[in-house]
């Protein structure tokens, strides 16, 4: 999927991995608020369009169950992260799997005690 997305447009992959910087402003209280679409600049529209394109590419690759899992996501990054956790697990799960495989490998490579060589 990575190569497919990068081949379409490398900027799509950046949007999926880093997330889009959707047009917003920060109020005096420090609250981040999205800018209304009617106030978008041309650059803002390009960013939003790139996120929509990335979401479209992801959605087209999914079956109905996976689509239902990510359809509520606002950004392509959210979709990708949700799919990644679903199919690969969290970082803790990944670390646990790696540790388990290392232990199994160590058991196979370690000579057993009491056996003659």
Protein backbone atom coordinates (compact mmCIF):
# COMPACT_ATOMS: atom_id res chain seq x y z
CA UNK A 1 0.00 0.00 0.00
CA UNK A 2 2.87 2.36 0.82
CA UNK A 3 4.40 2.07 -2.64
CA UNK A 4 1.01 2.40 -4.32
CA UNK A 5 0.25 5.64 -2.47
CA UNK A 6 3.74 7.06 -3.03
CA UNK A 7 3.50 6.25 -6.74
CA UNK A 8 0.25 8.20 -7.01
CA UNK A 9 1.60 11.26 -5.26
CA UNK A 10 4.42 11.35 -2.72
CA UNK A 11 2.68 14.22 -0.93
CA UNK A 12 -0.21 11.85 -0.18
CA UNK A 13 2.12 9.64 1.82
CA UNK A 14 3.36 12.66 3.77
CA UNK A 15 -0.25 13.59 4.58
CA UNK A 16 -0.98 10.05 5.77
CA UNK A 17 2.14 9.75 7.94
CA UNK A 18 2.46 13.30 9.26
CA UNK A 19 -1.17 14.33 9.09
CA UNK A 20 -2.58 17.31 7.28
CA UNK A 21 -2.25 20.77 8.68
CA UNK A 22 -5.89 21.72 8.23
CA UNK A 23 -6.58 25.46 8.07
CA UNK A 24 -7.12 26.79 11.57
CA UNK A 25 -6.60 29.75 13.82
CA UNK A 26 -5.74 29.96 17.50
CA UNK A 27 -7.92 32.16 19.66
CA UNK A 28 -6.62 34.43 22.42
CA UNK A 29 -7.52 31.68 24.90
CA UNK A 30 -5.25 29.29 23.00
CA UNK A 31 -8.07 27.23 21.50
CA UNK A 32 -7.41 25.81 18.03
CA UNK A 33 -10.44 26.32 15.76
CA UNK A 34 -10.86 25.25 12.14
CA UNK A 35 -11.33 28.04 9.63
CA UNK A 36 -14.71 27.94 7.79
CA UNK A 37 -14.45 26.65 4.22
CA UNK A 38 -15.71 29.95 2.87
CA UNK A 39 -12.55 31.61 4.24
CA UNK A 40 -10.01 29.17 2.75
CA UNK A 41 -7.12 30.53 0.73
CA UNK A 42 -5.91 28.67 -2.37
CA UNK A 43 -3.16 27.06 -0.28
CA UNK A 44 -5.72 25.97 2.34
CA UNK A 45 -7.85 24.37 -0.38
CA UNK A 46 -4.83 22.45 -1.70
CA UNK A 47 -4.11 21.04 1.78
CA UNK A 48 -7.71 19.99 2.31
CA UNK A 49 -7.89 18.52 -1.20
CA UNK A 50 -4.72 16.49 -0.61
CA UNK A 51 -6.19 15.07 2.61
CA UNK A 52 -9.42 14.18 0.77
CA UNK A 53 -7.43 12.47 -1.98
CA UNK A 54 -5.44 10.47 0.60
CA UNK A 55 -8.66 9.41 2.36
CA UNK A 56 -10.12 8.36 -1.00
CA UNK A 57 -7.10 6.20 -1.85
CA UNK A 58 -7.29 4.46 1.53
CA UNK A 59 -11.06 3.92 1.35
CA UNK A 60 -10.85 2.43 -2.16
CA UNK A 61 -8.51 -0.26 -0.83
CA UNK A 62 -10.81 -1.35 2.02
CA UNK A 63 -13.60 -3.89 2.30
CA UNK A 64 -16.88 -2.96 3.98
CA UNK A 65 -15.80 -4.05 7.49
CA UNK A 66 -12.60 -2.02 7.32
CA UNK A 67 -14.50 0.92 5.83
CA UNK A 68 -16.90 0.89 8.78
CA UNK A 69 -13.91 0.94 11.11
CA UNK A 70 -12.43 4.13 9.61
CA UNK A 71 -15.39 5.96 8.09
CA UNK A 72 -15.72 8.30 11.08
CA UNK A 73 -12.10 9.48 10.84
CA UNK A 74 -11.61 13.12 9.85
CA UNK A 75 -8.13 12.75 8.35
CA UNK A 76 -6.19 10.21 6.34
CA UNK A 77 -3.68 9.98 9.20
CA UNK A 78 -6.44 8.98 11.63
CA UNK A 79 -7.58 6.29 9.18
CA UNK A 80 -4.07 4.95 8.71
CA UNK A 81 -3.34 4.94 12.44
CA UNK A 82 -6.58 3.08 13.20
CA UNK A 83 -5.84 0.46 10.54
CA UNK A 84 -2.26 0.14 11.75
CA UNK A 85 -3.35 -0.54 15.33
CA UNK A 86 -6.00 -2.99 14.11
CA UNK A 87 -3.64 -5.08 11.99
CA UNK A 88 -0.25 -4.56 13.59
CA UNK A 89 -1.15 -3.70 17.17
CA UNK A 90 0.08 -0.87 19.34
CA UNK A 91 3.79 -0.28 19.86
CA UNK A 92 3.58 -2.26 23.11
CA UNK A 93 2.05 -5.23 21.26
CA UNK A 94 4.72 -4.99 18.55
CA UNK A 95 7.48 -4.94 21.18
CA UNK A 96 5.96 -7.94 22.95
CA UNK A 97 5.81 -9.90 19.68
CA UNK A 98 9.43 -9.05 18.89
CA UNK A 99 10.56 -10.12 22.37
CA UNK A 100 8.66 -13.39 22.06
CA UNK A 101 10.24 -14.14 18.67
CA UNK A 102 13.72 -13.30 19.98
CA UNK A 103 13.20 -15.73 22.89
CA UNK A 104 12.05 -18.47 20.51
CA UNK A 105 15.04 -17.86 18.25
CA UNK A 106 17.38 -17.93 21.25
CA UNK A 107 15.90 -21.27 22.37
CA UNK A 108 16.61 -22.81 18.95
CA UNK A 109 20.13 -21.43 18.68
CA UNK A 110 21.21 -22.33 22.23
CA UNK A 111 22.68 -25.84 22.70
CA UNK A 112 20.77 -27.98 25.17
CA UNK A 113 22.52 -28.89 28.40
CA UNK A 114 23.53 -32.50 28.82
CA UNK A 115 23.69 -33.36 25.15
CA UNK A 116 26.89 -34.65 23.60
CA UNK A 117 28.39 -32.92 20.59
